[in-house]
Every structure is written in C-alpha cells, then in structure tokens.
C-alpha atoms as a PDB file:
ATOM      1  CA  UNK A   1      23.888  27.297  19.701  1.00  0.00           C
ATOM      2  CA  UNK A   2      24.974  23.236  19.391  1.00  0.00           C
ATOM      3  CA  UNK A   3      22.519  22.794  22.649  1.00  0.00           C
ATOM      4  CA  UNK A   4      20.001  24.338  20.780  1.00  0.00           C
ATOM      5  CA  UNK A   5      19.774  22.333  17.751  1.00  0.00           C
ATOM      6  CA  UNK A   6      19.895  19.504  19.455  1.00  0.00           C
ATOM      7  CA  UNK A   7      16.926  20.429  21.911  1.00  0.00           C
ATOM      8  CA  UNK A   8      14.979  21.398  18.699  1.00  0.00           C
ATOM      9  CA  UNK A   9      15.974  18.131  16.725  1.00  0.00           C
ATOM     10  CA  UNK A  10      14.492  16.614  20.099  1.00  0.00           C
ATOM     11  CA  UNK A  11      11.569  18.368  20.156  1.00  0.00           C
ATOM     12  CA  UNK A  12      10.495  17.860  16.678  1.00  0.00           C
ATOM     13  CA  UNK A  13      11.654  14.335  16.878  1.00  0.00           C
ATOM     14  CA  UNK A  14       9.222  13.640  19.785  1.00  0.00           C
ATOM     15  CA  UNK A  15       6.457  15.624  18.169  1.00  0.00           C
ATOM     16  CA  UNK A  16       6.819  13.185  15.599  1.00  0.00           C
ATOM     17  CA  UNK A  17       6.410  10.097  17.274  1.00  0.00           C
ATOM     18  CA  UNK A  18       3.277  11.206  18.840  1.00  0.00           C
ATOM     19  CA  UNK A  19       1.684  12.018  15.809  1.00  0.00           C
ATOM     20  CA  UNK A  20       2.497   8.419  14.445  1.00  0.00           C
ATOM     21  CA  UNK A  21       0.688   6.571  16.944  1.00  0.00           C
ATOM     22  CA  UNK A  22      -2.676   6.698  15.769  1.00  0.00           C
ATOM     23  CA  UNK A  23      -2.218   4.800  12.776  1.00  0.00           C
ATOM     24  CA  UNK A  24      -5.080   5.194   9.812  1.00  0.00           C
ATOM     25  CA  UNK A  25      -6.556   2.234   8.437  1.00  0.00           C
ATOM     26  CA  UNK A  26      -5.280   2.628   5.342  1.00  0.00           C
ATOM     27  CA  UNK A  27      -1.611   3.062   6.664  1.00  0.00           C
ATOM     28  CA  UNK A  28      -1.824  -0.181   7.710  1.00  0.00           C
ATOM     29  CA  UNK A  29      -0.090  -3.172   5.651  1.00  0.00           C
ATOM     30  CA  UNK A  30      -0.313  -6.327   4.130  1.00  0.00           C
ATOM     31  CA  UNK A  31       2.359  -7.973   2.089  1.00  0.00           C
ATOM     32  CA  UNK A  32       1.194  -8.806  -1.415  1.00  0.00           C
ATOM     33  CA  UNK A  33       3.916 -10.941  -3.307  1.00  0.00           C
ATOM     34  CA  UNK A  34       3.814 -10.988  -7.330  1.00  0.00           C
ATOM     35  CA  UNK A  35       5.593 -12.030  -9.948  1.00  0.00           C
ATOM     36  CA  UNK A  36       6.332 -10.119 -13.116  1.00  0.00           C
ATOM     37  CA  UNK A  37       9.253 -10.471 -16.072  1.00  0.00           C
ATOM     38  CA  UNK A  38      11.711  -8.655 -14.877  1.00  0.00           C
ATOM     39  CA  UNK A  39      12.184  -6.236 -17.629  1.00  0.00           C
ATOM     40  CA  UNK A  40       8.441  -5.475 -16.580  1.00  0.00           C
ATOM     41  CA  UNK A  41       9.991  -4.928 -13.637  1.00  0.00           C
ATOM     42  CA  UNK A  42      12.862  -2.772 -15.044  1.00  0.00           C
ATOM     43  CA  UNK A  43      10.377  -0.115 -17.029  1.00  0.00           C
ATOM     44  CA  UNK A  44       8.272  -0.053 -13.962  1.00  0.00           C
ATOM     45  CA  UNK A  45      11.035   0.814 -11.885  1.00  0.00           C
ATOM     46  CA  UNK A  46      12.365   3.376 -14.217  1.00  0.00           C
ATOM     47  CA  UNK A  47       8.879   4.886 -14.711  1.00  0.00           C
ATOM     48  CA  UNK A  48       8.289   5.456 -11.354  1.00  0.00           C
ATOM     49  CA  UNK A  49      11.723   7.282 -10.776  1.00  0.00           C
ATOM     50  CA  UNK A  50      11.180   9.326 -13.491  1.00  0.00           C
ATOM     51  CA  UNK A  51       7.610  10.678 -11.343  1.00  0.00           C
ATOM     52  CA  UNK A  52       9.816  10.639  -8.087  1.00  0.00           C
ATOM     53  CA  UNK A  53       7.358   7.634  -7.136  1.00  0.00           C
ATOM     54  CA  UNK A  54       7.668   3.967  -5.700  1.00  0.00           C
ATOM     55  CA  UNK A  55       6.915   0.443  -7.722  1.00  0.00           C
ATOM     56  CA  UNK A  56       4.757   0.577  -4.295  1.00  0.00           C
ATOM     57  CA  UNK A  57       2.789   3.542  -4.543  1.00  0.00           C
ATOM     58  CA  UNK A  58       2.163   3.200  -8.510  1.00  0.00           C
ATOM     59  CA  UNK A  59       0.210  -0.326  -7.630  1.00  0.00           C
ATOM     60  CA  UNK A  60      -1.399   0.805  -4.627  1.00  0.00           C
ATOM     61  CA  UNK A  61      -2.932   3.645  -7.127  1.00  0.00           C
ATOM     62  CA  UNK A  62      -3.616   0.778  -9.831  1.00  0.00           C
ATOM     63  CA  UNK A  63      -5.291  -1.507  -7.166  1.00  0.00           C
ATOM     64  CA  UNK A  64      -7.277   1.287  -5.812  1.00  0.00           C
ATOM     65  CA  UNK A  65      -8.239   2.330  -8.931  1.00  0.00           C
ATOM     66  CA  UNK A  66      -9.126  -1.542  -9.844  1.00  0.00           C
ATOM     67  CA  UNK A  67     -11.529  -1.555  -6.882  1.00  0.00           C
ATOM     68  CA  UNK A  68     -12.865   1.822  -7.600  1.00  0.00           C
ATOM     69  CA  UNK A  69     -13.693   0.714 -10.909  1.00  0.00           C
ATOM     70  CA  UNK A  70     -15.064  -2.446 -10.061  1.00  0.00           C
ATOM     71  CA  UNK A  71     -17.397  -0.846  -7.446  1.00  0.00           C
ATOM     72  CA  UNK A  72     -18.836   1.593  -9.932  1.00  0.00           C
ATOM     73  CA  UNK A  73     -17.923   4.416  -6.926  1.00  0.00           C
ATOM     74  CA  UNK A  74     -15.293   6.040  -4.783  1.00  0.00           C
ATOM     75  CA  UNK A  75     -13.766   3.388  -2.095  1.00  0.00           C
ATOM     76  CA  UNK A  76     -13.119   4.645   1.495  1.00  0.00           C
ATOM     77  CA  UNK A  77     -11.172   2.503   3.866  1.00  0.00           C
ATOM     78  CA  UNK A  78     -12.470   0.048   6.114  1.00  0.00           C
ATOM     79  CA  UNK A  79     -15.929  -0.360   4.430  1.00  0.00           C
ATOM     80  CA  UNK A  80     -17.349  -3.797   3.950  1.00  0.00           C
ATOM     81  CA  UNK A  81     -16.147  -5.691   1.336  1.00  0.00           C
ATOM     82  CA  UNK A  82     -18.903  -6.101  -1.524  1.00  0.00           C
ATOM     83  CA  UNK A  83     -19.252 -10.038  -0.201  1.00  0.00           C
ATOM     84  CA  UNK A  84     -20.772  -8.238   3.152  1.00  0.00           C
ATOM     85  CA  UNK A  85     -17.524  -8.879   5.262  1.00  0.00           C
ATOM     86  CA  UNK A  86     -14.251  -7.968   5.366  1.00  0.00           C
ATOM     87  CA  UNK A  87     -11.975  -9.854   3.498  1.00  0.00           C
ATOM     88  CA  UNK A  88     -14.991 -11.643   1.837  1.00  0.00           C
ATOM     89  CA  UNK A  89     -14.104 -13.000  -1.455  1.00  0.00           C
ATOM     90  CA  UNK A  90     -12.817 -16.061  -3.201  1.00  0.00           C
ATOM     91  CA  UNK A  91     -11.330 -18.546  -0.679  1.00  0.00           C
ATOM     92  CA  UNK A  92      -8.175 -18.708  -2.094  1.00  0.00           C
ATOM     93  CA  UNK A  93      -5.770 -19.189  -4.842  1.00  0.00           C
ATOM     94  CA  UNK A  94      -7.092 -22.204  -7.267  1.00  0.00           C
ATOM     95  CA  UNK A  95      -4.612 -24.956  -7.450  1.00  0.00           C
ATOM     96  CA  UNK A  96      -4.451 -27.390 -10.390  1.00  0.00           C
ATOM     97  CA  UNK A  97      -5.444 -30.890 -10.155  1.00  0.00           C
ATOM     98  CA  UNK A  98      -2.348 -33.230  -9.807  1.00  0.00           C
ATOM     99  CA  UNK A  99      -1.457 -35.023 -12.759  1.00  0.00           C
ATOM    100  CA  UNK A 100      -1.904 -38.615 -13.281  1.00  0.00           C
END
C-alpha cells in the first residue's frame, strides 16, 4: 500500500513538472520594488489575508487595471506597448539636480 502511494505521488509530481515546462508570458516575473508607509502595508496585508490573496496578487491586479484603463481596452500579455516597442516608455526614473 505504501509503495502504491509513493508511485502515485511520483507519477503526479512528474506530470506536474512536465506541464510546468511551458511558461506563459504573463507567468514570467520581473521585480518591482516600491516603498510605502508601514501602516498602509499592514492594512494591505490584513485585507489581502481576509480575501486569501497575497499583496503581490492584488498589486498585479491593480497594475493590470491601470494599464487597461490607460489603453482604453483589455490588455493581453506579450502585446506591444503604446510606444511601439516592447518595454518602450520613459527612459527611467527622473533624478533631482544636485544642490549647489
């Protein structure tokens, strides 16, 4: 019986690993680091836990909603950015001029 359970677990694990080899575009990740007030973070984490969601899931949903609002239509992973090229847009964060 124990041997049969082990074999079943191994079979399920192998088939799960095979299906994970195909990675959808939206499942690829890039890190976005943000700074927020610790009290807001705490409230966000509590509210997310009430819905059984992670803060990352909620932030991804908010970002997607913002993109779709700005585009005025649904967004699909892998499509071109509004500037034409993938990853096009502003050249990065603006820096303040040094004080004299």
